[in-house]
C-alpha atoms as a PDB file:
ATOM      1  CA  MET A   1     111.545  41.499 134.917  1.00  0.00           C
ATOM      2  CA  THR A   2     108.699  41.006 132.434  1.00  0.00           C
ATOM      3  CA  SER A   3     105.050  39.830 132.655  1.00  0.00           C
ATOM      4  CA  ASP A   4     103.162  37.398 130.558  1.00  0.00           C
ATOM      5  CA  THR A   5     101.060  40.227 129.096  1.00  0.00           C
ATOM      6  CA  PRO A   6     102.545  41.537 125.826  1.00  0.00           C
ATOM      7  CA  ASP A   7     102.001  45.071 124.509  1.00  0.00           C
ATOM      8  CA  ALA A   8     100.329  45.830 121.188  1.00  0.00           C
ATOM      9  CA  ALA A   9     103.431  44.848 119.272  1.00  0.00           C
ATOM     10  CA  GLY A  10     103.610  41.462 121.060  1.00  0.00           C
ATOM     11  CA  VAL A  11     106.568  42.416 123.259  1.00  0.00           C
ATOM     12  CA  PRO A  12     106.310  41.338 126.917  1.00  0.00           C
ATOM     13  CA  MET A  13     105.966  44.358 129.238  1.00  0.00           C
ATOM     14  CA  PRO A  14     107.852  44.914 132.552  1.00  0.00           C
ATOM     15  CA  MET A  15     105.959  43.898 135.658  1.00  0.00           C
ATOM     16  CA  ASP A  16     105.533  47.537 136.660  1.00  0.00           C
ATOM     17  CA  THR A  17     104.013  48.543 133.279  1.00  0.00           C
ATOM     18  CA  MET A  18     100.416  48.370 132.100  1.00  0.00           C
ATOM     19  CA  GLN A  19      99.308  49.320 128.601  1.00  0.00           C
ATOM     20  CA  ILE A  20      96.152  51.448 128.515  1.00  0.00           C
ATOM     21  CA  GLY A  21      96.142  52.455 124.883  1.00  0.00           C
ATOM     22  CA  GLU A  22      98.176  52.647 121.721  1.00  0.00           C
ATOM     23  CA  ASP A  23     101.671  53.925 122.719  1.00  0.00           C
ATOM     24  CA  LEU A  24     100.218  54.787 126.133  1.00  0.00           C
ATOM     25  CA  TYR A  25     101.263  53.074 129.323  1.00  0.00           C
ATOM     26  CA  ILE A  26     101.071  53.429 133.169  1.00  0.00           C
ATOM     27  CA  ARG A  27     104.435  52.731 134.648  1.00  0.00           C
ATOM     28  CA  TRP A  28     106.085  53.130 137.981  1.00  0.00           C
ATOM     29  CA  VAL A  29     108.958  55.628 137.752  1.00  0.00           C
ATOM     30  CA  ASP A  30     111.652  57.006 140.032  1.00  0.00           C
ATOM     31  CA  VAL A  31     110.381  60.457 140.923  1.00  0.00           C
ATOM     32  CA  THR A  32     113.936  61.860 141.021  1.00  0.00           C
ATOM     33  CA  SER A  33     114.566  60.712 137.443  1.00  0.00           C
ATOM     34  CA  LEU A  34     111.672  62.704 135.903  1.00  0.00           C
ATOM     35  CA  ARG A  35     112.778  65.540 133.713  1.00  0.00           C
ATOM     36  CA  GLU A  36     110.717  68.696 133.964  1.00  0.00           C
ATOM     37  CA  GLN A  37     109.930  71.177 131.192  1.00  0.00           C
ATOM     38  CA  ASP A  38     112.246  74.192 130.946  1.00  0.00           C
ATOM     39  CA  ILE A  39     109.216  76.408 130.930  1.00  0.00           C
ATOM     40  CA  ASN A  40     105.962  75.738 132.780  1.00  0.00           C
ATOM     41  CA  ALA A  41     103.129  78.247 132.830  1.00  0.00           C
ATOM     42  CA  GLN A  42     101.174  76.495 135.626  1.00  0.00           C
ATOM     43  CA  VAL A  43     101.315  78.419 138.839  1.00  0.00           C
ATOM     44  CA  MET A  44     100.564  77.036 142.340  1.00  0.00           C
ATOM     45  CA  GLN A  45     100.479  79.150 145.445  1.00  0.00           C
ATOM     46  CA  PRO A  46     102.857  77.936 148.206  1.00  0.00           C
ATOM     47  CA  ARG A  47     100.017  77.158 150.579  1.00  0.00           C
ATOM     48  CA  HIS A  48      98.384  75.030 147.932  1.00  0.00           C
ATOM     49  CA  PHE A  49     101.524  73.171 147.292  1.00  0.00           C
ATOM     50  CA  GLU A  50     101.947  72.516 151.059  1.00  0.00           C
ATOM     51  CA  ARG A  51      98.334  71.206 151.122  1.00  0.00           C
ATOM     52  CA  LEU A  52      99.047  68.937 148.128  1.00  0.00           C
ATOM     53  CA  THR A  53     102.240  67.631 149.748  1.00  0.00           C
ATOM     54  CA  GLY A  54     100.363  66.926 152.957  1.00  0.00           C
ATOM     55  CA  ASN A  55      97.574  65.043 151.164  1.00  0.00           C
ATOM     56  CA  ILE A  56     100.104  62.878 149.277  1.00  0.00           C
ATOM     57  CA  ARG A  57     102.028  62.119 152.495  1.00  0.00           C
ATOM     58  CA  LYS A  58      98.761  61.187 154.283  1.00  0.00           C
ATOM     59  CA  ARG A  59      97.482  58.979 151.419  1.00  0.00           C
ATOM     60  CA  GLY A  60     100.893  57.467 150.701  1.00  0.00           C
ATOM     61  CA  GLY A  61     100.626  58.107 146.963  1.00  0.00           C
ATOM     62  CA  LEU A  62      99.093  60.154 144.154  1.00  0.00           C
ATOM     63  CA  GLU A  63      95.410  60.329 143.422  1.00  0.00           C
ATOM     64  CA  SER A  64      95.936  61.640 139.889  1.00  0.00           C
ATOM     65  CA  LEU A  65      98.857  60.731 137.669  1.00  0.00           C
ATOM     66  CA  PRO A  66     101.389  62.871 135.896  1.00  0.00           C
ATOM     67  CA  TYR A  67     101.394  62.652 132.062  1.00  0.00           C
ATOM     68  CA  CYS A  68     104.856  62.141 130.694  1.00  0.00           C
ATOM     69  CA  HIS A  69     106.701  61.577 127.398  1.00  0.00           C
ATOM     70  CA  GLN A  70     109.292  58.960 126.607  1.00  0.00           C
ATOM     71  CA  PRO A  71     109.760  58.516 122.845  1.00  0.00           C
ATOM     72  CA  GLY A  72     109.964  54.874 121.936  1.00  0.00           C
ATOM     73  CA  GLY A  73     109.840  53.884 125.611  1.00  0.00           C
ATOM     74  CA  GLU A  74     113.551  54.560 126.007  1.00  0.00           C
ATOM     75  CA  GLY A  75     115.638  57.372 127.538  1.00  0.00           C
ATOM     76  CA  PRO A  76     114.629  60.066 129.942  1.00  0.00           C
ATOM     77  CA  VAL A  77     110.977  60.480 131.001  1.00  0.00           C
ATOM     78  CA  GLU A  78     109.803  64.030 130.463  1.00  0.00           C
ATOM     79  CA  VAL A  79     106.921  65.480 132.444  1.00  0.00           C
ATOM     80  CA  ILE A  80     104.324  67.173 130.283  1.00  0.00           C
ATOM     81  CA  SER A  81     101.660  67.647 132.946  1.00  0.00           C
ATOM     82  CA  GLY A  82     102.008  67.049 136.695  1.00  0.00           C
ATOM     83  CA  HIS A  83     105.074  69.020 137.630  1.00  0.00           C
ATOM     84  CA  HIS A  84     103.636  70.009 140.996  1.00  0.00           C
ATOM     85  CA  ARG A  85     102.373  66.523 141.742  1.00  0.00           C
ATOM     86  CA  SER A  86     105.776  64.955 141.124  1.00  0.00           C
ATOM     87  CA  ARG A  87     107.481  67.684 143.210  1.00  0.00           C
ATOM     88  CA  ALA A  88     104.989  67.190 146.010  1.00  0.00           C
ATOM     89  CA  ALA A  89     105.535  63.445 145.973  1.00  0.00           C
ATOM     90  CA  ARG A  90     109.302  64.025 146.321  1.00  0.00           C
ATOM     91  CA  ALA A  91     108.709  66.533 149.094  1.00  0.00           C
ATOM     92  CA  ALA A  92     106.502  63.967 150.839  1.00  0.00           C
ATOM     93  CA  GLY A  93     109.324  61.411 150.716  1.00  0.00           C
ATOM     94  CA  ILE A  94     107.818  59.143 148.089  1.00  0.00           C
ATOM     95  CA  ASN A  95     110.503  57.777 145.769  1.00  0.00           C
ATOM     96  CA  ARG A  96     108.428  56.003 143.132  1.00  0.00           C
ATOM     97  CA  ILE A  97     105.137  57.086 141.632  1.00  0.00           C
ATOM     98  CA  PRO A  98     102.876  55.738 138.834  1.00  0.00           C
ATOM     99  CA  ALA A  99     102.791  57.967 135.749  1.00  0.00           C
ATOM    100  CA  ILE A 100     101.099  57.824 132.328  1.00  0.00           C
ATOM    101  CA  ILE A 101     103.851  57.436 129.779  1.00  0.00           C
ATOM    102  CA  ASP A 102     103.196  58.424 126.144  1.00  0.00           C
ATOM    103  CA  THR A 103     105.831  56.632 123.935  1.00  0.00           C
ATOM    104  CA  ARG A 104     104.874  58.232 120.657  1.00  0.00           C
ATOM    105  CA  LYS A 105     107.511  60.308 118.911  1.00  0.00           C
ATOM    106  CA  MET A 106     106.262  63.926 119.116  1.00  0.00           C
ATOM    107  CA  ARG A 107     107.602  67.140 117.743  1.00  0.00           C
ATOM    108  CA  ARG A 108     108.564  69.801 120.299  1.00  0.00           C
ATOM    109  CA  SER A 109     105.607  71.832 119.211  1.00  0.00           C
ATOM    110  CA  GLU A 110     103.250  68.985 119.959  1.00  0.00           C
ATOM    111  CA  VAL A 111     104.698  68.491 123.413  1.00  0.00           C
ATOM    112  CA  ILE A 112     104.183  72.166 124.179  1.00  0.00           C
ATOM    113  CA  ALA A 113     100.627  72.067 122.857  1.00  0.00           C
ATOM    114  CA  LYS A 114      99.832  69.092 125.112  1.00  0.00           C
ATOM    115  CA  GLN A 115     101.384  70.835 128.083  1.00  0.00           C
ATOM    116  CA  ILE A 116      99.211  73.894 127.611  1.00  0.00           C
ATOM    117  CA  ALA A 117      96.100  71.799 126.987  1.00  0.00           C
ATOM    118  CA  HIS A 118      96.581  69.780 130.177  1.00  0.00           C
ATOM    119  CA  ASN A 119      97.357  72.852 132.250  1.00  0.00           C
ATOM    120  CA  GLU A 120      94.220  74.577 130.936  1.00  0.00           C
ATOM    121  CA  LEU A 121      92.098  71.876 132.508  1.00  0.00           C
ATOM    122  CA  HIS A 122      92.998  72.984 136.066  1.00  0.00           C
ATOM    123  CA  GLY A 123      94.721  75.811 137.800  1.00  0.00           C
ATOM    124  CA  ASN A 124      95.627  79.329 136.618  1.00  0.00           C
ATOM    125  CA  PRO A 125      98.564  79.578 134.233  1.00  0.00           C
ATOM    126  CA  ASP A 126     100.945  82.536 134.313  1.00  0.00           C
ATOM    127  CA  LYS A 127      99.825  84.640 131.294  1.00  0.00           C
ATOM    128  CA  ASP A 128     103.313  85.842 130.394  1.00  0.00           C
ATOM    129  CA  VAL A 129     104.798  82.356 130.525  1.00  0.00           C
ATOM    130  CA  LEU A 130     101.804  81.000 128.668  1.00  0.00           C
ATOM    131  CA  ALA A 131     102.330  83.540 125.940  1.00  0.00           C
ATOM    132  CA  GLN A 132     106.008  82.492 125.764  1.00  0.00           C
ATOM    133  CA  LEU A 133     104.977  78.800 125.362  1.00  0.00           C
ATOM    134  CA  VAL A 134     102.394  79.682 122.652  1.00  0.00           C
ATOM    135  CA  SER A 135     105.063  81.585 120.685  1.00  0.00           C
ATOM    136  CA  MET A 136     107.105  78.356 120.547  1.00  0.00           C
ATOM    137  CA  ILE A 137     104.374  76.412 118.767  1.00  0.00           C
ATOM    138  CA  ASP A 138     105.104  76.267 115.062  1.00  0.00           C
ATOM    139  CA  ASN A 139     101.976  74.407 113.769  1.00  0.00           C
ATOM    140  CA  VAL A 140      98.379  75.494 113.374  1.00  0.00           C
ATOM    141  CA  ASP A 141      97.072  72.080 114.379  1.00  0.00           C
ATOM    142  CA  ASP A 142      99.150  72.223 117.544  1.00  0.00           C
ATOM    143  CA  LEU A 143      97.728  75.686 118.408  1.00  0.00           C
ATOM    144  CA  ILE A 144      94.202  74.319 118.018  1.00  0.00           C
ATOM    145  CA  ALA A 145      95.165  71.279 120.204  1.00  0.00           C
ATOM    146  CA  THR A 146      96.064  73.617 123.098  1.00  0.00           C
ATOM    147  CA  GLY A 147      92.352  74.308 123.616  1.00  0.00           C
ATOM    148  CA  LEU A 148      93.088  77.972 124.268  1.00  0.00           C
ATOM    149  CA  ASP A 149      90.462  80.678 123.621  1.00  0.00           C
ATOM    150  CA  GLU A 150      90.910  82.806 120.533  1.00  0.00           C
ATOM    151  CA  ASP A 151      91.952  85.828 122.613  1.00  0.00           C
ATOM    152  CA  GLN A 152      94.850  83.792 123.984  1.00  0.00           C
ATOM    153  CA  LEU A 153      96.172  82.798 120.601  1.00  0.00           C
ATOM    154  CA  PRO A 154      98.681  84.904 118.713  1.00  0.00           C
ATOM    155  CA  THR A 155      97.185  87.399 116.259  1.00  0.00           C
ATOM    156  CA  VAL A 156      98.408  88.026 112.791  1.00  0.00           C
ATOM    157  CA  GLU A 157      99.732  91.544 112.338  1.00  0.00           C
ATOM    158  CA  ALA A 158      98.209  93.585 109.561  1.00  0.00           C
ATOM    159  CA  ASP A 159     100.172  93.170 106.382  1.00  0.00           C
ATOM    160  CA  ASP A 160     101.318  96.664 105.317  1.00  0.00           C
ATOM    161  CA  THR A 161     103.106  95.411 102.258  1.00  0.00           C
ATOM    162  CA  LYS A 162     102.376  97.695  99.349  1.00  0.00           C
ATOM    163  CA  LEU A 163     101.890  95.899  96.058  1.00  0.00           C
ATOM    164  CA  ALA A 164     103.494  97.475  93.053  1.00  0.00           C
ATOM    165  CA  ILE A 165     100.892  98.818  90.642  1.00  0.00           C
ATOM    166  CA  PRO A 166     101.947  98.093  87.034  1.00  0.00           C
ATOM    167  CA  HIS A 167     102.303 101.280  85.048  1.00  0.00           C
ATOM    168  CA  GLY A 168     103.961 102.399  81.847  1.00  0.00           C
ATOM    169  CA  GLU A 169     106.601 105.032  81.813  1.00  0.00           C
ATOM    170  CA  PHE A 170     106.135 107.549  79.054  1.00  0.00           C
ATOM    171  CA  ASP A 171     106.955 111.169  78.282  1.00  0.00           C
ATOM    172  CA  TRP A 172     104.095 113.566  78.696  1.00  0.00           C
ATOM    173  CA  ARG A 173     103.260 117.222  79.160  1.00  0.00           C
ATOM    174  CA  SER A 174     100.120 118.959  80.429  1.00  0.00           C
ATOM    175  CA  ALA A 175      98.522 122.320  79.848  1.00  0.00           C
ATOM    176  CA  THR A 176      96.023 123.568  82.475  1.00  0.00           C
ATOM    177  CA  LEU A 177      93.561 126.280  81.524  1.00  0.00           C
ATOM    178  CA  MET A 178      91.539 128.260  84.070  1.00  0.00           C
ATOM    179  CA  PHE A 179      88.457 130.003  82.823  1.00  0.00           C
ATOM    180  CA  LEU A 180      86.849 132.857  84.653  1.00  0.00           C
ATOM    181  CA  PRO A 181      83.069 133.400  84.097  1.00  0.00           C
ATOM    182  CA  HIS A 182      83.232 135.731  81.083  1.00  0.00           C
ATOM    183  CA  GLN A 183      86.071 133.839  79.307  1.00  0.00           C
ATOM    184  CA  MET A 184      84.181 130.567  79.997  1.00  0.00           C
ATOM    185  CA  GLU A 185      81.097 131.895  78.179  1.00  0.00           C
ATOM    186  CA  ASP A 186      83.107 132.898  75.085  1.00  0.00           C
ATOM    187  CA  PHE A 187      84.818 129.537  75.087  1.00  0.00           C
ATOM    188  CA  LYS A 188      81.526 127.680  75.351  1.00  0.00           C
ATOM    189  CA  ASP A 189      80.226 129.663  72.421  1.00  0.00           C
ATOM    190  CA  ALA A 190      83.131 128.557  70.274  1.00  0.00           C
ATOM    191  CA  ILE A 191      82.758 124.915  71.345  1.00  0.00           C
ATOM    192  CA  THR A 192      79.038 124.987  70.723  1.00  0.00           C
ATOM    193  CA  ALA A 193      79.695 126.139  67.128  1.00  0.00           C
ATOM    194  CA  ILE A 194      82.010 123.078  66.697  1.00  0.00           C
ATOM    195  CA  ALA A 195      79.885 120.396  68.437  1.00  0.00           C
ATOM    196  CA  SER A 196      76.768 121.419  70.305  1.00  0.00           C
ATOM    197  CA  GLY A 197      76.662 120.317  73.941  1.00  0.00           C
ATOM    198  CA  THR A 198      80.038 118.584  73.965  1.00  0.00           C
ATOM    199  CA  ASP A 199      82.196 118.510  77.028  1.00  0.00           C
ATOM    200  CA  VAL A 200      85.841 119.054  76.111  1.00  0.00           C
ATOM    201  CA  VAL A 201      88.410 116.489  77.189  1.00  0.00           C
ATOM    202  CA  GLY A 202      91.326 116.628  74.939  1.00  0.00           C
ATOM    203  CA  VAL A 203      94.353 114.391  74.508  1.00  0.00           C
ATOM    204  CA  ALA A 204      97.077 115.264  72.061  1.00  0.00           C
ATOM    205  CA  SER A 205     100.438 113.821  71.014  1.00  0.00           C
ATOM    206  CA  VAL A 206     103.353 114.922  73.212  1.00  0.00           C
ATOM    207  CA  ASP A 207     105.135 115.871  70.078  1.00  0.00           C
ATOM    208  CA  GLN A 208     102.671 118.662  69.627  1.00  0.00           C
ATOM    209  CA  PHE A 209     103.279 120.264  73.039  1.00  0.00           C
ATOM    210  CA  GLU A 210     106.377 122.245  71.978  1.00  0.00           C
ATOM    211  CA  ASP A 211     104.617 123.498  68.925  1.00  0.00           C
ATOM    212  CA  PHE A 212     101.550 124.404  70.892  1.00  0.00           C
ATOM    213  CA  ALA A 213     103.559 126.328  73.548  1.00  0.00           C
ATOM    214  CA  SER A 214     105.617 128.097  70.873  1.00  0.00           C
ATOM    215  CA  ALA A 215     102.550 129.017  68.848  1.00  0.00           C
ATOM    216  CA  VAL A 216     100.767 130.446  71.858  1.00  0.00           C
ATOM    217  CA  TYR A 217     103.814 132.371  72.940  1.00  0.00           C
ATOM    218  CA  ALA A 218     104.481 133.758  69.392  1.00  0.00           C
ATOM    219  CA  PHE A 219     100.820 134.685  69.036  1.00  0.00           C
ATOM    220  CA  GLY A 220     100.961 136.647  72.231  1.00  0.00           C
ATOM    221  CA  ARG A 221     104.066 138.466  71.108  1.00  0.00           C
ATOM    222  CA  SER A 222     102.519 139.245  67.686  1.00  0.00           C
ATOM    223  CA  LYS A 223      99.482 140.786  69.421  1.00  0.00           C
ATOM    224  CA  ASP A 224     101.625 142.380  72.141  1.00  0.00           C
ATOM    225  CA  VAL A 225      99.758 140.405  74.719  1.00  0.00           C
ATOM    226  CA  ARG A 226     101.586 138.895  77.711  1.00  0.00           C
ATOM    227  CA  ASN A 227      98.528 137.796  79.648  1.00  0.00           C
ATOM    228  CA  PHE A 228      97.721 134.134  79.019  1.00  0.00           C
ATOM    229  CA  THR A 229      93.984 134.670  79.624  1.00  0.00           C
ATOM    230  CA  THR A 230      93.873 137.363  76.927  1.00  0.00           C
ATOM    231  CA  MET A 231      95.731 135.024  74.565  1.00  0.00           C
ATOM    232  CA  ILE A 232      93.089 132.299  75.046  1.00  0.00           C
ATOM    233  CA  ALA A 233      90.268 134.866  74.573  1.00  0.00           C
ATOM    234  CA  LEU A 234      91.812 135.976  71.251  1.00  0.00           C
ATOM    235  CA  LEU A 235      92.395 132.390  70.056  1.00  0.00           C
ATOM    236  CA  THR A 236      88.839 131.498  71.032  1.00  0.00           C
ATOM    237  CA  ASP A 237      87.549 134.438  68.998  1.00  0.00           C
ATOM    238  CA  ILE A 238      89.637 133.404  65.935  1.00  0.00           C
ATOM    239  CA  ALA A 239      88.348 129.831  66.261  1.00  0.00           C
ATOM    240  CA  ARG A 240      84.752 130.988  66.411  1.00  0.00           C
ATOM    241  CA  ARG A 241      85.185 133.243  63.353  1.00  0.00           C
ATOM    242  CA  GLU A 242      86.812 130.440  61.409  1.00  0.00           C
ATOM    243  CA  VAL A 243      83.993 128.061  62.257  1.00  0.00           C
ATOM    244  CA  GLU A 244      81.330 130.685  61.432  1.00  0.00           C
ATOM    245  CA  GLN A 245      82.990 131.431  58.095  1.00  0.00           C
ATOM    246  CA  ALA A 246      83.234 127.744  57.225  1.00  0.00           C
ATOM    247  CA  ALA A 247      79.550 127.285  58.093  1.00  0.00           C
ATOM    248  CA  ALA A 248      78.587 130.242  55.919  1.00  0.00           C
ATOM    249  CA  GLU A 249      80.593 128.936  52.950  1.00  0.00           C
ATOM    250  CA  ALA A 250      78.964 125.555  53.346  1.00  0.00           C
ATOM    251  CA  ALA A 251      75.515 127.132  53.410  1.00  0.00           C
ATOM    252  CA  ALA A 252      76.291 129.152  50.317  1.00  0.00           C
ATOM    253  CA  GLN A 253      77.237 126.060  48.408  1.00  0.00           C
ATOM    254  CA  ASP A 254      73.989 124.403  49.397  1.00  0.00           C
ATOM    255  CA  GLU A 255      71.837 127.350  48.026  1.00  0.00           C
ATOM    256  CA  PRO A 256      70.331 126.640  44.565  1.00  0.00           C
ATOM    257  CA  ALA A 257      71.716 128.616  41.659  1.00  0.00           C
ATOM    258  CA  THR A 258      69.491 131.486  40.437  1.00  0.00           C
END
């Protein structure tokens, strides 16, 4: 049976249907045909459910309507909000109840978001079940639509991914020198003679390392010295003498002829 009042698309609506918005209707439905959500976080104490059932039985109907989903207006009617109201109506012996029917096509994530949002308006949801429902939402907009506080939304785990740092692979060798106080003073004197006040940070070709190590070792053997510190002290003294001799020769060349 249809009425003379068409819906937004111009199609006559059944007598038991009233359009209240775009894709939104109030319709009388068989309470036993309503399909509940597999998971519902909303919790109602038994005594409260008995009171709700008694109120519905006394009034002969619902004072607030369940919100349901029926894509395209065809097929099963799925309860989004109002599980306890529809159960209480059935327990009160009422076979048909009015319900708000949303006929839009919605993704599963959207349906869950609306279920959470409606449940948040009244009652106390089970936190564990609520967390399970939230984990099923796969869209940021749907998470926002739930109306949940930030502390109820899932958090993003810290990303411990380590980014690779670009670097070049090359062959290299290092020589580490440790100077004790008196050797340090001698070394500074030699460096001062070369470049006054210069801090020494040296980088040499890796090809020179083997020659350097061999030369230091051969020098130590030639002087019958096995202590590396003594080798450095002797080499420092030679370097200082070489620099001083070169300086003296340069000064001699600058003196005017007599």
